[in-house]
């Protein structure tokens, strides 16, 4: 079996569309996910202590993997953003 990544972004599509198409599609997707026990869910959260934090859980709610993406490779993005924030704050005060 090949690994697959599915991306879910909670946005509203065709907001004024009222023939049941969107609700029907959401229902079908929910049924598909709940009936396939091998599907894992990726949750992404932006926060104060972590720029981006992710977790992967299985159908039973067991955490398979979780980590922060503050540092990717050798680049520390959190430190860079803190430095930029301090520079901007200093520029506003001057």
C-alpha atoms as a PDB file:
ATOM      1  CA  UNK A   1       0.000   0.000   0.000  1.00  0.00           C
ATOM      2  CA  UNK A   2       1.317   3.467  -0.905  1.00  0.00           C
ATOM      3  CA  UNK A   3       1.271   6.319   1.588  1.00  0.00           C
ATOM      4  CA  UNK A   4      -1.081   9.124   0.628  1.00  0.00           C
ATOM      5  CA  UNK A   5      -1.487  12.627   1.959  1.00  0.00           C
ATOM      6  CA  UNK A   6      -4.900  14.243   1.737  1.00  0.00           C
ATOM      7  CA  UNK A   7      -5.238  17.937   2.541  1.00  0.00           C
ATOM      8  CA  UNK A   8      -8.356  19.214   4.324  1.00  0.00           C
ATOM      9  CA  UNK A   9      -8.863  22.948   4.612  1.00  0.00           C
ATOM     10  CA  UNK A  10     -12.169  24.042   6.159  1.00  0.00           C
ATOM     11  CA  UNK A  11     -13.389  26.577   3.625  1.00  0.00           C
ATOM     12  CA  UNK A  12     -16.822  27.228   2.219  1.00  0.00           C
ATOM     13  CA  UNK A  13     -17.252  26.473  -1.465  1.00  0.00           C
ATOM     14  CA  UNK A  14     -20.327  27.603  -3.397  1.00  0.00           C
ATOM     15  CA  UNK A  15     -21.825  29.184  -0.283  1.00  0.00           C
ATOM     16  CA  UNK A  16     -25.031  30.173  -2.105  1.00  0.00           C
ATOM     17  CA  UNK A  17     -25.459  26.715  -3.644  1.00  0.00           C
ATOM     18  CA  UNK A  18     -28.561  25.217  -1.932  1.00  0.00           C
ATOM     19  CA  UNK A  19     -29.456  22.043  -3.843  1.00  0.00           C
ATOM     20  CA  UNK A  20     -27.791  19.818  -1.240  1.00  0.00           C
ATOM     21  CA  UNK A  21     -24.642  19.312  -3.300  1.00  0.00           C
ATOM     22  CA  UNK A  22     -22.190  20.550  -0.667  1.00  0.00           C
ATOM     23  CA  UNK A  23     -23.880  18.797   2.256  1.00  0.00           C
ATOM     24  CA  UNK A  24     -24.121  15.631   0.202  1.00  0.00           C
ATOM     25  CA  UNK A  25     -20.431  15.824  -0.678  1.00  0.00           C
ATOM     26  CA  UNK A  26     -19.429  16.389   2.968  1.00  0.00           C
ATOM     27  CA  UNK A  27     -21.569  13.440   4.056  1.00  0.00           C
ATOM     28  CA  UNK A  28     -19.968  11.181   1.459  1.00  0.00           C
ATOM     29  CA  UNK A  29     -16.465  12.242   2.482  1.00  0.00           C
ATOM     30  CA  UNK A  30     -17.238  11.683   6.188  1.00  0.00           C
ATOM     31  CA  UNK A  31     -18.604   8.202   5.407  1.00  0.00           C
ATOM     32  CA  UNK A  32     -15.520   7.351   3.346  1.00  0.00           C
ATOM     33  CA  UNK A  33     -13.128   8.459   6.084  1.00  0.00           C
ATOM     34  CA  UNK A  34     -15.011   6.706   8.893  1.00  0.00           C
ATOM     35  CA  UNK A  35     -15.306   3.440   6.957  1.00  0.00           C
ATOM     36  CA  UNK A  36     -11.591   3.265   6.057  1.00  0.00           C
ATOM     37  CA  UNK A  37      -9.699   2.265   9.209  1.00  0.00           C
ATOM     38  CA  UNK A  38      -6.298   2.920   7.602  1.00  0.00           C
ATOM     39  CA  UNK A  39      -6.916   6.643   7.154  1.00  0.00           C
ATOM     40  CA  UNK A  40      -4.937   8.909   9.459  1.00  0.00           C
ATOM     41  CA  UNK A  41      -5.773  12.536  10.107  1.00  0.00           C
ATOM     42  CA  UNK A  42      -3.190  15.325  10.045  1.00  0.00           C
ATOM     43  CA  UNK A  43      -3.942  18.257  12.325  1.00  0.00           C
ATOM     44  CA  UNK A  44      -2.032  21.516  11.942  1.00  0.00           C
ATOM     45  CA  UNK A  45      -2.110  24.253  14.555  1.00  0.00           C
ATOM     46  CA  UNK A  46      -0.490  27.657  14.649  1.00  0.00           C
ATOM     47  CA  UNK A  47       0.330  28.854  18.125  1.00  0.00           C
ATOM     48  CA  UNK A  48       2.360  31.174  20.278  1.00  0.00           C
ATOM     49  CA  UNK A  49       5.091  28.745  21.324  1.00  0.00           C
ATOM     50  CA  UNK A  50       5.280  26.992  17.963  1.00  0.00           C
ATOM     51  CA  UNK A  51       4.944  28.542  14.543  1.00  0.00           C
ATOM     52  CA  UNK A  52       3.318  25.405  13.245  1.00  0.00           C
ATOM     53  CA  UNK A  53       2.656  22.251  15.216  1.00  0.00           C
ATOM     54  CA  UNK A  54       1.340  19.108  13.618  1.00  0.00           C
ATOM     55  CA  UNK A  55       0.002  15.784  14.793  1.00  0.00           C
ATOM     56  CA  UNK A  56      -1.060  12.663  12.937  1.00  0.00           C
ATOM     57  CA  UNK A  57      -3.735  10.510  14.570  1.00  0.00           C
ATOM     58  CA  UNK A  58      -5.364   7.261  13.532  1.00  0.00           C
ATOM     59  CA  UNK A  59      -9.074   6.426  13.529  1.00  0.00           C
ATOM     60  CA  UNK A  60      -8.939   5.477  17.225  1.00  0.00           C
ATOM     61  CA  UNK A  61      -7.414   8.810  18.227  1.00  0.00           C
ATOM     62  CA  UNK A  62      -3.957   7.361  18.872  1.00  0.00           C
ATOM     63  CA  UNK A  63      -1.212   9.874  18.122  1.00  0.00           C
ATOM     64  CA  UNK A  64       1.091   8.386  15.495  1.00  0.00           C
ATOM     65  CA  UNK A  65       3.407  11.368  15.142  1.00  0.00           C
ATOM     66  CA  UNK A  66       3.619  14.964  16.319  1.00  0.00           C
ATOM     67  CA  UNK A  67       6.204  17.693  16.139  1.00  0.00           C
ATOM     68  CA  UNK A  68       6.852  21.388  15.760  1.00  0.00           C
ATOM     69  CA  UNK A  69       8.016  22.905  12.500  1.00  0.00           C
ATOM     70  CA  UNK A  70       9.911  25.782  14.138  1.00  0.00           C
ATOM     71  CA  UNK A  71      13.159  24.357  12.762  1.00  0.00           C
ATOM     72  CA  UNK A  72      13.268  22.758   9.326  1.00  0.00           C
ATOM     73  CA  UNK A  73      16.645  21.434   8.280  1.00  0.00           C
ATOM     74  CA  UNK A  74      19.167  23.906   9.637  1.00  0.00           C
ATOM     75  CA  UNK A  75      16.832  26.912   9.462  1.00  0.00           C
ATOM     76  CA  UNK A  76      15.300  28.122  12.736  1.00  0.00           C
ATOM     77  CA  UNK A  77      12.221  29.995  11.511  1.00  0.00           C
ATOM     78  CA  UNK A  78      11.009  30.905  14.998  1.00  0.00           C
ATOM     79  CA  UNK A  79      14.261  32.717  15.810  1.00  0.00           C
ATOM     80  CA  UNK A  80      14.131  34.548  12.491  1.00  0.00           C
ATOM     81  CA  UNK A  81      10.575  35.739  13.120  1.00  0.00           C
ATOM     82  CA  UNK A  82      11.385  36.828  16.688  1.00  0.00           C
ATOM     83  CA  UNK A  83      14.316  38.862  15.354  1.00  0.00           C
ATOM     84  CA  UNK A  84      12.128  40.507  12.683  1.00  0.00           C
ATOM     85  CA  UNK A  85       9.462  41.261  15.293  1.00  0.00           C
ATOM     86  CA  UNK A  86      12.021  42.969  17.558  1.00  0.00           C
ATOM     87  CA  UNK A  87      13.378  45.008  14.619  1.00  0.00           C
ATOM     88  CA  UNK A  88       9.872  46.162  13.641  1.00  0.00           C
ATOM     89  CA  UNK A  89       9.010  47.020  17.226  1.00  0.00           C
ATOM     90  CA  UNK A  90      12.225  49.027  17.560  1.00  0.00           C
ATOM     91  CA  UNK A  91      11.543  50.844  14.271  1.00  0.00           C
ATOM     92  CA  UNK A  92       8.036  51.825  15.425  1.00  0.00           C
ATOM     93  CA  UNK A  93       9.390  53.185  18.698  1.00  0.00           C
ATOM     94  CA  UNK A  94      12.118  55.183  16.963  1.00  0.00           C
END
